[in-house]
């Protein structure tokens, strides 16, 4: 059929984009495609062998997939394939589209992101008001917050931290990429929070990163 022939011809000019990759790149591509979780450089090296420069290969693959429907990205120093940001709306479920966070949930998420691991009491001390258990439940259901162990203090309160899904959703490689923290502190807007956190550090020890 003529339409089929035209389609094949149209793609012929794009052979450079879909040209066959060298075997070392194909090996890494296959490992990442089959992985159930994002992988570190060391994880990948264990699969493909020490003879391949994994870091250099990942840079080539990252460029190779840029601008395509799926991208190769690193989050928290772990690599994985994901749908291109401008195509994500095609796969988003209706429940995700309708999910909206309350102001309390947004504030709670921000406090956890900037000060994790942090307990519910610490979140309330920083916000100045109580939070409902439902607020934390919503954030955990979204996959952005997780339990992060208990403080070794009387009562052993449960602490919370953000997840890799949180980083991926907001396009962050690590918490160090969180925006605005230095500007907020320079403007003095974080003075009450810093004072509260300094008191918490004195009581519980330094924060983990």
Foldseek 3Di string as FASTA:
>chain_A
DVVVVVVVVVCVVVCVLVPDDPPLLVLLVVVQVPDPDFAALVRSCVRRHPVDPSVVSLVVQQVSCPPHQWGWDAALRTIHIDGPPVCVVVVDDPVNVPDDADPLLVLLLVCQLVFPFDFQVLSCQLVVHHDDPVSVVVCVVVVFKDWDFFFPDVVRTITMHTDSVNCVVVVHRGSVPDPDPVVCVVVVVCVSVVVSVVVVCVVGNDHDD
